[in-house]
Amino acid sequence: MQKPKRAVFRFLICVDNKRYTVSLEKRKIYVALPDTMALKHGQVRVIDESGEDYLYPKSLFLPITVPQSLRRAILKAA
């Protein structure tokens, strides 16, 4: 029996929020949800300041690698 796949969360840091100042904060870490269709269109699905997931241009973020302990803390707080 196959194990169910776990969602793979990526972490991104916002480097530009000029058009989205209410929804995004510069230098803040965001959780990106898997969305291959969005990536094909240059977008990422991010949980923003509203607590909901929305599509944003990929160019507004840079991916970051975080230690496992920080990863757990971020996901627990989200």
PDB file of N, CA and C in Angstrom:
ATOM      1  N   MET A   1       0.841  -1.178   0.000  1.00  0.00           N
ATOM      2  CA  MET A   1       0.000   0.000   0.000  1.00  0.00           C
ATOM      3  C   MET A   1       0.890   1.247   0.000  1.00  0.00           C
ATOM      4  N   GLN A   2       0.562   2.189  -0.853  1.00  0.00           N
ATOM      5  CA  GLN A   2       1.332   3.430  -0.935  1.00  0.00           C
ATOM      6  C   GLN A   2       0.941   4.378   0.178  1.00  0.00           C
ATOM      7  N   LYS A   3       1.953   5.064   0.688  1.00  0.00           N
ATOM      8  CA  LYS A   3       1.680   6.102   1.682  1.00  0.00           C
ATOM      9  C   LYS A   3       1.125   7.326   0.968  1.00  0.00           C
ATOM     10  N   PRO A   4       0.175   8.024   1.578  1.00  0.00           N
ATOM     11  CA  PRO A   4      -0.311   9.262   0.950  1.00  0.00           C
ATOM     12  C   PRO A   4       0.803  10.294   0.935  1.00  0.00           C
ATOM     13  N   LYS A   5       0.864  11.052  -0.136  1.00  0.00           N
ATOM     14  CA  LYS A   5       1.884  12.091  -0.249  1.00  0.00           C
ATOM     15  C   LYS A   5       1.563  13.245   0.677  1.00  0.00           C
ATOM     16  N   ARG A   6       2.602  13.725   1.349  1.00  0.00           N
ATOM     17  CA  ARG A   6       2.433  14.906   2.190  1.00  0.00           C
ATOM     18  C   ARG A   6       2.637  16.142   1.326  1.00  0.00           C
ATOM     19  N   ALA A   7       1.941  17.190   1.680  1.00  0.00           N
ATOM     20  CA  ALA A   7       2.118  18.449   0.955  1.00  0.00           C
ATOM     21  C   ALA A   7       3.533  18.963   1.200  1.00  0.00           C
ATOM     22  N   VAL A   8       4.162  19.448   0.165  1.00  0.00           N
ATOM     23  CA  VAL A   8       5.503  20.003   0.282  1.00  0.00           C
ATOM     24  C   VAL A   8       5.374  21.518   0.297  1.00  0.00           C
ATOM     25  N   PHE A   9       5.673  22.101   1.442  1.00  0.00           N
ATOM     26  CA  PHE A   9       5.587  23.546   1.575  1.00  0.00           C
ATOM     27  C   PHE A   9       6.947  24.151   1.287  1.00  0.00           C
ATOM     28  N   ARG A  10       6.950  25.222   0.547  1.00  0.00           N
ATOM     29  CA  ARG A  10       8.176  25.980   0.314  1.00  0.00           C
ATOM     30  C   ARG A  10       8.059  27.266   1.093  1.00  0.00           C
ATOM     31  N   PHE A  11       9.195  27.830   1.388  1.00  0.00           N
ATOM     32  CA  PHE A  11       9.212  29.097   2.094  1.00  0.00           C
ATOM     33  C   PHE A  11       9.850  30.142   1.198  1.00  0.00           C
ATOM     34  N   LEU A  12       9.204  31.285   1.139  1.00  0.00           N
ATOM     35  CA  LEU A  12       9.646  32.383   0.285  1.00  0.00           C
ATOM     36  C   LEU A  12       9.767  33.634   1.132  1.00  0.00           C
ATOM     37  N   ILE A  13      10.675  34.509   0.745  1.00  0.00           N
ATOM     38  CA  ILE A  13      10.768  35.810   1.399  1.00  0.00           C
ATOM     39  C   ILE A  13      10.349  36.870   0.387  1.00  0.00           C
ATOM     40  N   CYS A  14       9.514  37.786   0.824  1.00  0.00           N
ATOM     41  CA  CYS A  14       9.028  38.848  -0.057  1.00  0.00           C
ATOM     42  C   CYS A  14      10.126  39.895  -0.234  1.00  0.00           C
ATOM     43  N   VAL A  15      10.465  40.195  -1.476  1.00  0.00           N
ATOM     44  CA  VAL A  15      11.489  41.200  -1.764  1.00  0.00           C
ATOM     45  C   VAL A  15      10.912  42.432  -2.457  1.00  0.00           C
ATOM     46  N   ASP A  16       9.635  42.380  -2.827  1.00  0.00           N
ATOM     47  CA  ASP A  16       8.991  43.514  -3.502  1.00  0.00           C
ATOM     48  C   ASP A  16       7.484  43.441  -3.239  1.00  0.00           C
ATOM     49  N   ASN A  17       6.936  44.492  -2.659  1.00  0.00           N
ATOM     50  CA  ASN A  17       5.486  44.500  -2.393  1.00  0.00           C
ATOM     51  C   ASN A  17       4.817  45.768  -2.920  1.00  0.00           C
ATOM     52  N   LYS A  18       5.468  46.467  -3.843  1.00  0.00           N
ATOM     53  CA  LYS A  18       4.971  47.774  -4.305  1.00  0.00           C
ATOM     54  C   LYS A  18       3.505  47.768  -4.720  1.00  0.00           C
ATOM     55  N   ARG A  19       3.055  46.770  -5.415  1.00  0.00           N
ATOM     56  CA  ARG A  19       1.661  46.738  -5.874  1.00  0.00           C
ATOM     57  C   ARG A  19       0.740  46.018  -4.892  1.00  0.00           C
ATOM     58  N   TYR A  20       1.317  45.490  -3.803  1.00  0.00           N
ATOM     59  CA  TYR A  20       0.532  44.675  -2.869  1.00  0.00           C
ATOM     60  C   TYR A  20       0.848  45.033  -1.418  1.00  0.00           C
ATOM     61  N   THR A  21       0.922  46.320  -1.104  1.00  0.00           N
ATOM     62  CA  THR A  21       1.355  46.747   0.232  1.00  0.00           C
ATOM     63  C   THR A  21       0.419  46.305   1.353  1.00  0.00           C
ATOM     64  N   VAL A  22      -0.849  46.113   1.068  1.00  0.00           N
ATOM     65  CA  VAL A  22      -1.788  45.660   2.098  1.00  0.00           C
ATOM     66  C   VAL A  22      -1.668  44.151   2.314  1.00  0.00           C
ATOM     67  N   SER A  23      -1.345  43.421   1.258  1.00  0.00           N
ATOM     68  CA  SER A  23      -1.343  41.959   1.310  1.00  0.00           C
ATOM     69  C   SER A  23      -0.005  41.333   1.661  1.00  0.00           C
ATOM     70  N   LEU A  24       1.089  42.042   1.354  1.00  0.00           N
ATOM     71  CA  LEU A  24       2.426  41.477   1.549  1.00  0.00           C
ATOM     72  C   LEU A  24       3.331  42.457   2.284  1.00  0.00           C
ATOM     73  N   GLU A  25       4.243  41.923   3.094  1.00  0.00           N
ATOM     74  CA  GLU A  25       5.239  42.742   3.782  1.00  0.00           C
ATOM     75  C   GLU A  25       6.625  42.363   3.273  1.00  0.00           C
ATOM     76  N   LYS A  26       7.413  43.370   2.908  1.00  0.00           N
ATOM     77  CA  LYS A  26       8.786  43.107   2.484  1.00  0.00           C
ATOM     78  C   LYS A  26       9.565  42.481   3.631  1.00  0.00           C
ATOM     79  N   ARG A  27      10.471  41.595   3.284  1.00  0.00           N
ATOM     80  CA  ARG A  27      11.373  40.898   4.208  1.00  0.00           C
ATOM     81  C   ARG A  27      10.651  39.900   5.116  1.00  0.00           C
ATOM     82  N   LYS A  28       9.404  39.597   4.850  1.00  0.00           N
ATOM     83  CA  LYS A  28       8.663  38.621   5.648  1.00  0.00           C
ATOM     84  C   LYS A  28       8.690  37.262   4.953  1.00  0.00           C
ATOM     85  N   ILE A  29       8.727  36.202   5.764  1.00  0.00           N
ATOM     86  CA  ILE A  29       8.710  34.841   5.237  1.00  0.00           C
ATOM     87  C   ILE A  29       7.258  34.414   5.032  1.00  0.00           C
ATOM     88  N   TYR A  30       6.987  33.854   3.854  1.00  0.00           N
ATOM     89  CA  TYR A  30       5.650  33.363   3.522  1.00  0.00           C
ATOM     90  C   TYR A  30       5.707  31.881   3.168  1.00  0.00           C
ATOM     91  N   VAL A  31       4.603  31.200   3.412  1.00  0.00           N
ATOM     92  CA  VAL A  31       4.461  29.796   3.034  1.00  0.00           C
ATOM     93  C   VAL A  31       3.858  29.753   1.636  1.00  0.00           C
ATOM     94  N   ALA A  32       4.524  29.027   0.746  1.00  0.00           N
ATOM     95  CA  ALA A  32       4.015  28.845  -0.615  1.00  0.00           C
ATOM     96  C   ALA A  32       3.403  27.451  -0.714  1.00  0.00           C
ATOM     97  N   LEU A  33       2.220  27.382  -1.249  1.00  0.00           N
ATOM     98  CA  LEU A  33       1.531  26.107  -1.429  1.00  0.00           C
ATOM     99  C   LEU A  33       1.854  25.536  -2.806  1.00  0.00           C
ATOM    100  N   PRO A  34       1.902  24.216  -2.930  1.00  0.00           N
ATOM    101  CA  PRO A  34       2.177  23.608  -4.227  1.00  0.00           C
ATOM    102  C   PRO A  34       1.090  23.968  -5.244  1.00  0.00           C
ATOM    103  N   ASP A  35       1.502  24.458  -6.408  1.00  0.00           N
ATOM    104  CA  ASP A  35       0.559  24.789  -7.479  1.00  0.00           C
ATOM    105  C   ASP A  35       1.337  24.827  -8.790  1.00  0.00           C
ATOM    106  N   THR A  36       1.434  23.681  -9.451  1.00  0.00           N
ATOM    107  CA  THR A  36       2.229  23.592 -10.673  1.00  0.00           C
ATOM    108  C   THR A  36       1.655  24.436 -11.804  1.00  0.00           C
ATOM    109  N   MET A  37       0.340  24.561 -11.866  1.00  0.00           N
ATOM    110  CA  MET A  37      -0.273  25.375 -12.921  1.00  0.00           C
ATOM    111  C   MET A  37       0.112  26.845 -12.746  1.00  0.00           C
ATOM    112  N   ALA A  38       0.114  27.322 -11.516  1.00  0.00           N
ATOM    113  CA  ALA A  38       0.499  28.713 -11.250  1.00  0.00           C
ATOM    114  C   ALA A  38       1.947  28.952 -11.665  1.00  0.00           C
ATOM    115  N   LEU A  39       2.838  28.008 -11.328  1.00  0.00           N
ATOM    116  CA  LEU A  39       4.249  28.163 -11.685  1.00  0.00           C
ATOM    117  C   LEU A  39       4.447  28.260 -13.192  1.00  0.00           C
ATOM    118  N   LYS A  40       3.644  27.518 -13.945  1.00  0.00           N
ATOM    119  CA  LYS A  40       3.738  27.575 -15.410  1.00  0.00           C
ATOM    120  C   LYS A  40       3.418  28.968 -15.938  1.00  0.00           C
ATOM    121  N   HIS A  41       2.668  29.734 -15.161  1.00  0.00           N
ATOM    122  CA  HIS A  41       2.275  31.082 -15.563  1.00  0.00           C
ATOM    123  C   HIS A  41       3.041  32.167 -14.810  1.00  0.00           C
ATOM    124  N   GLY A  42       4.165  31.788 -14.180  1.00  0.00           N
ATOM    125  CA  GLY A  42       4.998  32.768 -13.490  1.00  0.00           C
ATOM    126  C   GLY A  42       4.412  33.279 -12.186  1.00  0.00           C
ATOM    127  N   GLN A  43       3.529  32.483 -11.580  1.00  0.00           N
ATOM    128  CA  GLN A  43       2.865  32.869 -10.334  1.00  0.00           C
ATOM    129  C   GLN A  43       3.226  31.876  -9.228  1.00  0.00           C
ATOM    130  N   VAL A  44       3.054  32.309  -7.978  1.00  0.00           N
ATOM    131  CA  VAL A  44       3.175  31.411  -6.829  1.00  0.00           C
ATOM    132  C   VAL A  44       1.937  31.583  -5.962  1.00  0.00           C
ATOM    133  N   ARG A  45       1.507  30.493  -5.334  1.00  0.00           N
ATOM    134  CA  ARG A  45       0.353  30.539  -4.438  1.00  0.00           C
ATOM    135  C   ARG A  45       0.891  30.686  -3.025  1.00  0.00           C
ATOM    136  N   VAL A  46       0.586  31.836  -2.409  1.00  0.00           N
ATOM    137  CA  VAL A  46       1.151  32.205  -1.114  1.00  0.00           C
ATOM    138  C   VAL A  46       0.031  32.489  -0.120  1.00  0.00           C
ATOM    139  N   ILE A  47       0.237  32.092   1.129  1.00  0.00           N
ATOM    140  CA  ILE A  47      -0.683  32.479   2.199  1.00  0.00           C
ATOM    141  C   ILE A  47      -0.255  33.869   2.645  1.00  0.00           C
ATOM    142  N   ASP A  48      -1.086  34.870   2.360  1.00  0.00           N
ATOM    143  CA  ASP A  48      -0.700  36.266   2.612  1.00  0.00           C
ATOM    144  C   ASP A  48      -1.208  36.762   3.959  1.00  0.00           C
ATOM    145  N   GLU A  49      -1.191  38.079   4.154  1.00  0.00           N
ATOM    146  CA  GLU A  49      -1.570  38.689   5.433  1.00  0.00           C
ATOM    147  C   GLU A  49      -3.027  38.444   5.819  1.00  0.00           C
ATOM    148  N   SER A  50      -3.870  38.123   4.845  1.00  0.00           N
ATOM    149  CA  SER A  50      -5.280  37.847   5.144  1.00  0.00           C
ATOM    150  C   SER A  50      -5.465  36.446   5.735  1.00  0.00           C
ATOM    151  N   GLY A  51      -4.427  35.617   5.614  1.00  0.00           N
ATOM    152  CA  GLY A  51      -4.527  34.233   6.068  1.00  0.00           C
ATOM    153  C   GLY A  51      -5.055  33.303   4.997  1.00  0.00           C
ATOM    154  N   GLU A  52      -5.365  33.855   3.834  1.00  0.00           N
ATOM    155  CA  GLU A  52      -5.866  33.075   2.699  1.00  0.00           C
ATOM    156  C   GLU A  52      -4.752  32.916   1.673  1.00  0.00           C
ATOM    157  N   ASP A  53      -4.899  31.931   0.789  1.00  0.00           N
ATOM    158  CA  ASP A  53      -3.896  31.771  -0.265  1.00  0.00           C
ATOM    159  C   ASP A  53      -4.353  32.481  -1.535  1.00  0.00           C
ATOM    160  N   TYR A  54      -3.405  33.196  -2.136  1.00  0.00           N
ATOM    161  CA  TYR A  54      -3.650  33.939  -3.372  1.00  0.00           C
ATOM    162  C   TYR A  54      -2.453  33.775  -4.292  1.00  0.00           C
ATOM    163  N   LEU A  55      -2.675  34.042  -5.563  1.00  0.00           N
ATOM    164  CA  LEU A  55      -1.590  34.004  -6.536  1.00  0.00           C
ATOM    165  C   LEU A  55      -0.920  35.361  -6.623  1.00  0.00           C
ATOM    166  N   TYR A  56       0.414  35.333  -6.662  1.00  0.00           N
ATOM    167  CA  TYR A  56       1.217  36.548  -6.818  1.00  0.00           C
ATOM    168  C   TYR A  56       2.304  36.272  -7.843  1.00  0.00           C
ATOM    169  N   PRO A  57       2.816  37.323  -8.494  1.00  0.00           N
ATOM    170  CA  PRO A  57       3.931  37.125  -9.416  1.00  0.00           C
ATOM    171  C   PRO A  57       5.137  36.530  -8.678  1.00  0.00           C
ATOM    172  N   LYS A  58       5.747  35.541  -9.289  1.00  0.00           N
ATOM    173  CA  LYS A  58       6.903  34.859  -8.711  1.00  0.00           C
ATOM    174  C   LYS A  58       8.052  35.827  -8.445  1.00  0.00           C
ATOM    175  N   SER A  59       8.138  36.890  -9.235  1.00  0.00           N
ATOM    176  CA  SER A  59       9.238  37.855  -9.122  1.00  0.00           C
ATOM    177  C   SER A  59       9.225  38.640  -7.813  1.00  0.00           C
ATOM    178  N   LEU A  60       8.138  38.589  -7.056  1.00  0.00           N
ATOM    179  CA  LEU A  60       8.053  39.321  -5.787  1.00  0.00           C
ATOM    180  C   LEU A  60       8.757  38.589  -4.648  1.00  0.00           C
ATOM    181  N   PHE A  61       9.173  37.346  -4.881  1.00  0.00           N
ATOM    182  CA  PHE A  61       9.705  36.498  -3.818  1.00  0.00           C
ATOM    183  C   PHE A  61      11.012  35.836  -4.223  1.00  0.00           C
ATOM    184  N   LEU A  62      11.771  35.456  -3.202  1.00  0.00           N
ATOM    185  CA  LEU A  62      12.933  34.600  -3.395  1.00  0.00           C
ATOM    186  C   LEU A  62      12.761  33.393  -2.477  1.00  0.00           C
ATOM    187  N   PRO A  63      13.112  32.195  -2.975  1.00  0.00           N
ATOM    188  CA  PRO A  63      12.987  31.009  -2.122  1.00  0.00           C
ATOM    189  C   PRO A  63      14.079  31.004  -1.057  1.00  0.00           C
ATOM    190  N   ILE A  64      13.755  30.471   0.117  1.00  0.00           N
ATOM    191  CA  ILE A  64      14.748  30.348   1.180  1.00  0.00           C
ATOM    192  C   ILE A  64      14.703  28.929   1.732  1.00  0.00           C
ATOM    193  N   THR A  65      15.822  28.503   2.288  1.00  0.00           N
ATOM    194  CA  THR A  65      15.918  27.218   2.958  1.00  0.00           C
ATOM    195  C   THR A  65      15.948  27.484   4.450  1.00  0.00           C
ATOM    196  N   VAL A  66      15.126  26.778   5.187  1.00  0.00           N
ATOM    197  CA  VAL A  66      15.073  26.978   6.637  1.00  0.00           C
ATOM    198  C   VAL A  66      15.362  25.654   7.339  1.00  0.00           C
ATOM    199  N   PRO A  67      15.984  25.704   8.517  1.00  0.00           N
ATOM    200  CA  PRO A  67      16.226  24.475   9.280  1.00  0.00           C
ATOM    201  C   PRO A  67      14.903  23.808   9.658  1.00  0.00           C
ATOM    202  N   GLN A  68      14.955  22.504   9.886  1.00  0.00           N
ATOM    203  CA  GLN A  68      13.745  21.735  10.193  1.00  0.00           C
ATOM    204  C   GLN A  68      13.003  22.291  11.404  1.00  0.00           C
ATOM    205  N   SER A  69      13.724  22.701  12.442  1.00  0.00           N
ATOM    206  CA  SER A  69      13.060  23.223  13.645  1.00  0.00           C
ATOM    207  C   SER A  69      12.294  24.509  13.334  1.00  0.00           C
ATOM    208  N   LEU A  70      12.869  25.368  12.497  1.00  0.00           N
ATOM    209  CA  LEU A  70      12.189  26.600  12.099  1.00  0.00           C
ATOM    210  C   LEU A  70      11.003  26.287  11.193  1.00  0.00           C
ATOM    211  N   ARG A  71      11.174  25.318  10.310  1.00  0.00           N
ATOM    212  CA  ARG A  71      10.089  24.891   9.410  1.00  0.00           C
ATOM    213  C   ARG A  71       8.867  24.469  10.229  1.00  0.00           C
ATOM    214  N   ARG A  72       9.086  23.648  11.251  1.00  0.00           N
ATOM    215  CA  ARG A  72       7.976  23.195  12.096  1.00  0.00           C
ATOM    216  C   ARG A  72       7.316  24.374  12.807  1.00  0.00           C
ATOM    217  N   ALA A  73       8.132  25.293  13.328  1.00  0.00           N
ATOM    218  CA  ALA A  73       7.591  26.449  14.052  1.00  0.00           C
ATOM    219  C   ALA A  73       6.761  27.341  13.130  1.00  0.00           C
ATOM    220  N   ILE A  74       7.231  27.563  11.912  1.00  0.00           N
ATOM    221  CA  ILE A  74       6.503  28.405  10.951  1.00  0.00           C
ATOM    222  C   ILE A  74       5.164  27.763  10.602  1.00  0.00           C
ATOM    223  N   LEU A  75       5.176  26.471  10.304  1.00  0.00           N
ATOM    224  CA  LEU A  75       3.937  25.788   9.916  1.00  0.00           C
ATOM    225  C   LEU A  75       2.956  25.697  11.080  1.00  0.00           C
ATOM    226  N   LYS A  76       3.473  25.556  12.294  1.00  0.00           N
ATOM    227  CA  LYS A  76       2.600  25.512  13.464  1.00  0.00           C
ATOM    228  C   LYS A  76       1.926  26.871  13.687  1.00  0.00           C
ATOM    229  N   ALA A  77       2.659  27.951  13.435  1.00  0.00           N
ATOM    230  CA  ALA A  77       2.133  29.302  13.646  1.00  0.00           C
ATOM    231  C   ALA A  77       1.185  29.731  12.528  1.00  0.00           C
ATOM    232  N   ALA A  78       1.283  29.082  11.375  1.00  0.00           N
ATOM    233  CA  ALA A  78       0.496  29.506  10.207  1.00  0.00           C
ATOM    234  C   ALA A  78      -0.955  29.192  10.326  1.00  0.00           C
TER     235      ALA A  78
END
